[in-house]
Amino acid sequence: MAEESLVYDFEKLDVYQCALDLMKALFSINNEIPASLQYSVGNQLIRAGLSVSNNIAEGSGKLSAKEKRRYYGTAIDSCRECVSILNVLKNENLVDKKNTEASRVLCHRITSMMYKLIRSAKDFTQ
């Protein structure tokens, strides 16, 4: 099997693809943040965004519904953390408001999809 055709189950999830889109947007926003805040606010924004996609990936591989829900809940929490940081950046006029709004829309979409995944989570059965 060629490496290019190897696809993990979570990579097929629309919510995971949205999380990757969010990361692209957050990296762009991070580049706008003044150098004096790059390692504090910028780093926190990137870590929160990575937590969204990582928890979707990890949660999708769990066998119990309880564990899936825990990881998916953490992804929601991290998405909400991104929104809070985006609000601060926007309110302090540190980044382009259009970029923060687009990222907020992605966060809203992701959290809505995550709540649906949580409700549909089932235990793995053979």
C-alpha atoms as a PDB file:
ATOM      1  CA  MET A   1       0.000   0.000   0.000  1.00  0.00           C
ATOM      2  CA  ALA A   2       1.460   3.355  -1.015  1.00  0.00           C
ATOM      3  CA  GLU A   3       1.847   5.974   1.689  1.00  0.00           C
ATOM      4  CA  GLU A   4      -0.267   8.444  -0.270  1.00  0.00           C
ATOM      5  CA  SER A   5      -3.326   6.189  -0.074  1.00  0.00           C
ATOM      6  CA  LEU A   6      -3.071   5.611   3.670  1.00  0.00           C
ATOM      7  CA  VAL A   7      -5.913   7.508   5.315  1.00  0.00           C
ATOM      8  CA  TYR A   8      -6.875   7.327   8.975  1.00  0.00           C
ATOM      9  CA  ASP A   9     -10.554   7.251   9.885  1.00  0.00           C
ATOM     10  CA  PHE A  10     -10.445  10.661  11.580  1.00  0.00           C
ATOM     11  CA  GLU A  11      -9.028  12.249   8.422  1.00  0.00           C
ATOM     12  CA  LYS A  12     -12.346  11.489   6.713  1.00  0.00           C
ATOM     13  CA  LEU A  13     -14.316  13.488   9.285  1.00  0.00           C
ATOM     14  CA  ASP A  14     -15.588  16.867   8.094  1.00  0.00           C
ATOM     15  CA  VAL A  15     -14.955  18.274  11.564  1.00  0.00           C
ATOM     16  CA  TYR A  16     -11.294  17.238  11.389  1.00  0.00           C
ATOM     17  CA  GLN A  17     -10.920  18.921   7.996  1.00  0.00           C
ATOM     18  CA  CYS A  18     -12.499  22.054   9.504  1.00  0.00           C
ATOM     19  CA  ALA A  19      -9.995  21.875  12.360  1.00  0.00           C
ATOM     20  CA  LEU A  20      -7.170  21.827   9.793  1.00  0.00           C
ATOM     21  CA  ASP A  21      -8.715  24.886   8.117  1.00  0.00           C
ATOM     22  CA  LEU A  22      -8.842  26.549  11.521  1.00  0.00           C
ATOM     23  CA  MET A  23      -5.141  25.830  12.072  1.00  0.00           C
ATOM     24  CA  LYS A  24      -4.282  27.423   8.727  1.00  0.00           C
ATOM     25  CA  ALA A  25      -6.244  30.523   9.747  1.00  0.00           C
ATOM     26  CA  LEU A  26      -4.656  30.605  13.217  1.00  0.00           C
ATOM     27  CA  PHE A  27      -1.147  30.392  11.783  1.00  0.00           C
ATOM     28  CA  SER A  28      -2.007  33.346   9.552  1.00  0.00           C
ATOM     29  CA  ILE A  29      -3.347  35.320  12.518  1.00  0.00           C
ATOM     30  CA  ASN A  30      -0.312  34.367  14.571  1.00  0.00           C
ATOM     31  CA  ASN A  31       1.888  35.980  11.923  1.00  0.00           C
ATOM     32  CA  GLU A  32       0.018  39.268  12.478  1.00  0.00           C
ATOM     33  CA  ILE A  33       0.553  39.310  16.233  1.00  0.00           C
ATOM     34  CA  PRO A  34       3.236  41.792  17.330  1.00  0.00           C
ATOM     35  CA  ALA A  35       6.595  40.187  18.081  1.00  0.00           C
ATOM     36  CA  SER A  36       6.341  41.155  21.755  1.00  0.00           C
ATOM     37  CA  LEU A  37       3.270  38.878  22.104  1.00  0.00           C
ATOM     38  CA  GLN A  38       4.273  36.059  19.729  1.00  0.00           C
ATOM     39  CA  TYR A  39       5.608  33.754  22.425  1.00  0.00           C
ATOM     40  CA  SER A  40       2.812  34.329  24.895  1.00  0.00           C
ATOM     41  CA  VAL A  41      -0.488  34.999  23.149  1.00  0.00           C
ATOM     42  CA  GLY A  42       0.529  33.619  19.746  1.00  0.00           C
ATOM     43  CA  ASN A  43       1.920  30.410  21.173  1.00  0.00           C
ATOM     44  CA  GLN A  44      -1.209  29.885  23.285  1.00  0.00           C
ATOM     45  CA  LEU A  45      -3.435  30.396  20.234  1.00  0.00           C
ATOM     46  CA  ILE A  46      -1.507  27.817  18.206  1.00  0.00           C
ATOM     47  CA  ARG A  47      -1.458  25.303  21.077  1.00  0.00           C
ATOM     48  CA  ALA A  48      -5.220  25.667  21.587  1.00  0.00           C
ATOM     49  CA  GLY A  49      -5.820  25.177  17.872  1.00  0.00           C
ATOM     50  CA  LEU A  50      -3.610  22.103  17.738  1.00  0.00           C
ATOM     51  CA  SER A  51      -5.497  20.693  20.694  1.00  0.00           C
ATOM     52  CA  VAL A  52      -8.714  20.840  18.663  1.00  0.00           C
ATOM     53  CA  SER A  53      -7.436  18.684  15.802  1.00  0.00           C
ATOM     54  CA  ASN A  54      -5.383  16.407  18.080  1.00  0.00           C
ATOM     55  CA  ASN A  55      -8.325  15.624  20.364  1.00  0.00           C
ATOM     56  CA  ILE A  56     -10.568  14.869  17.396  1.00  0.00           C
ATOM     57  CA  ALA A  57      -7.925  12.461  16.092  1.00  0.00           C
ATOM     58  CA  GLU A  58      -7.323  10.834  19.467  1.00  0.00           C
ATOM     59  CA  GLY A  59     -10.992  10.621  20.400  1.00  0.00           C
ATOM     60  CA  SER A  60     -11.998   8.961  17.166  1.00  0.00           C
ATOM     61  CA  GLY A  61      -9.699   6.056  17.997  1.00  0.00           C
ATOM     62  CA  LYS A  62     -11.140   5.336  21.423  1.00  0.00           C
ATOM     63  CA  LEU A  63     -13.257   2.221  21.867  1.00  0.00           C
ATOM     64  CA  SER A  64     -15.588   3.441  24.609  1.00  0.00           C
ATOM     65  CA  ALA A  65     -18.203   6.134  24.094  1.00  0.00           C
ATOM     66  CA  LYS A  66     -17.207   7.671  27.424  1.00  0.00           C
ATOM     67  CA  GLU A  67     -13.603   8.159  26.293  1.00  0.00           C
ATOM     68  CA  LYS A  68     -14.667   9.467  22.889  1.00  0.00           C
ATOM     69  CA  ARG A  69     -16.895  12.047  24.581  1.00  0.00           C
ATOM     70  CA  ARG A  70     -14.072  13.109  26.886  1.00  0.00           C
ATOM     71  CA  TYR A  71     -11.690  13.799  23.995  1.00  0.00           C
ATOM     72  CA  TYR A  72     -14.387  15.454  21.912  1.00  0.00           C
ATOM     73  CA  GLY A  73     -15.302  17.619  24.912  1.00  0.00           C
ATOM     74  CA  THR A  74     -11.682  18.694  25.231  1.00  0.00           C
ATOM     75  CA  ALA A  75     -11.690  19.624  21.530  1.00  0.00           C
ATOM     76  CA  ILE A  76     -14.716  21.846  22.192  1.00  0.00           C
ATOM     77  CA  ASP A  77     -13.005  23.430  25.200  1.00  0.00           C
ATOM     78  CA  SER A  78      -9.908  24.156  23.100  1.00  0.00           C
ATOM     79  CA  CYS A  79     -12.011  25.662  20.341  1.00  0.00           C
ATOM     80  CA  ARG A  80     -13.679  27.954  22.869  1.00  0.00           C
ATOM     81  CA  GLU A  81     -10.215  28.895  24.152  1.00  0.00           C
ATOM     82  CA  CYS A  82      -9.303  29.938  20.598  1.00  0.00           C
ATOM     83  CA  VAL A  83     -12.398  32.160  20.476  1.00  0.00           C
ATOM     84  CA  SER A  84     -11.429  33.829  23.748  1.00  0.00           C
ATOM     85  CA  ILE A  85      -7.917  34.562  22.490  1.00  0.00           C
ATOM     86  CA  LEU A  86      -9.308  35.834  19.181  1.00  0.00           C
ATOM     87  CA  ASN A  87     -11.617  38.178  21.119  1.00  0.00           C
ATOM     88  CA  VAL A  88      -8.679  39.648  23.016  1.00  0.00           C
ATOM     89  CA  LEU A  89      -6.649  40.110  19.830  1.00  0.00           C
ATOM     90  CA  LYS A  90      -9.612  41.756  18.097  1.00  0.00           C
ATOM     91  CA  ASN A  91     -10.518  43.989  21.047  1.00  0.00           C
ATOM     92  CA  GLU A  92      -6.927  45.192  21.367  1.00  0.00           C
ATOM     93  CA  ASN A  93      -6.718  45.829  17.591  1.00  0.00           C
ATOM     94  CA  LEU A  94      -3.693  43.534  17.353  1.00  0.00           C
ATOM     95  CA  VAL A  95      -4.857  41.638  14.253  1.00  0.00           C
ATOM     96  CA  ASP A  96      -7.165  42.077  11.256  1.00  0.00           C
ATOM     97  CA  LYS A  97     -10.778  41.823  12.426  1.00  0.00           C
ATOM     98  CA  LYS A  98     -11.824  40.075   9.212  1.00  0.00           C
ATOM     99  CA  ASN A  99      -9.401  37.227   9.943  1.00  0.00           C
ATOM    100  CA  THR A 100     -10.590  36.851  13.521  1.00  0.00           C
ATOM    101  CA  GLU A 101     -14.226  36.769  12.410  1.00  0.00           C
ATOM    102  CA  ALA A 102     -13.527  34.055   9.837  1.00  0.00           C
ATOM    103  CA  SER A 103     -11.793  31.994  12.522  1.00  0.00           C
ATOM    104  CA  ARG A 104     -14.668  32.523  14.933  1.00  0.00           C
ATOM    105  CA  VAL A 105     -17.056  31.192  12.275  1.00  0.00           C
ATOM    106  CA  LEU A 106     -14.866  28.094  11.885  1.00  0.00           C
ATOM    107  CA  CYS A 107     -14.826  27.616  15.669  1.00  0.00           C
ATOM    108  CA  HIS A 108     -18.603  27.825  15.791  1.00  0.00           C
ATOM    109  CA  ARG A 109     -18.902  25.279  13.006  1.00  0.00           C
ATOM    110  CA  ILE A 110     -16.433  22.939  14.693  1.00  0.00           C
ATOM    111  CA  THR A 111     -18.142  23.096  18.092  1.00  0.00           C
ATOM    112  CA  SER A 112     -21.541  22.449  16.499  1.00  0.00           C
ATOM    113  CA  MET A 113     -20.186  19.373  14.722  1.00  0.00           C
ATOM    114  CA  MET A 114     -18.416  18.191  17.875  1.00  0.00           C
ATOM    115  CA  TYR A 115     -21.652  18.317  19.888  1.00  0.00           C
ATOM    116  CA  LYS A 116     -23.244  16.082  17.237  1.00  0.00           C
ATOM    117  CA  LEU A 117     -20.301  13.671  17.444  1.00  0.00           C
ATOM    118  CA  ILE A 118     -20.641  13.559  21.230  1.00  0.00           C
ATOM    119  CA  ARG A 119     -24.341  12.741  20.982  1.00  0.00           C
ATOM    120  CA  SER A 120     -23.681   9.999  18.420  1.00  0.00           C
ATOM    121  CA  ALA A 121     -20.685   8.402  20.204  1.00  0.00           C
ATOM    122  CA  LYS A 122     -21.128   4.688  20.771  1.00  0.00           C
ATOM    123  CA  ASP A 123     -19.002   1.951  22.259  1.00  0.00           C
ATOM    124  CA  PHE A 124     -16.998  -0.085  19.767  1.00  0.00           C
ATOM    125  CA  THR A 125     -18.440  -3.546  19.307  1.00  0.00           C
ATOM    126  CA  GLN A 126     -17.030  -6.398  17.309  1.00  0.00           C
END
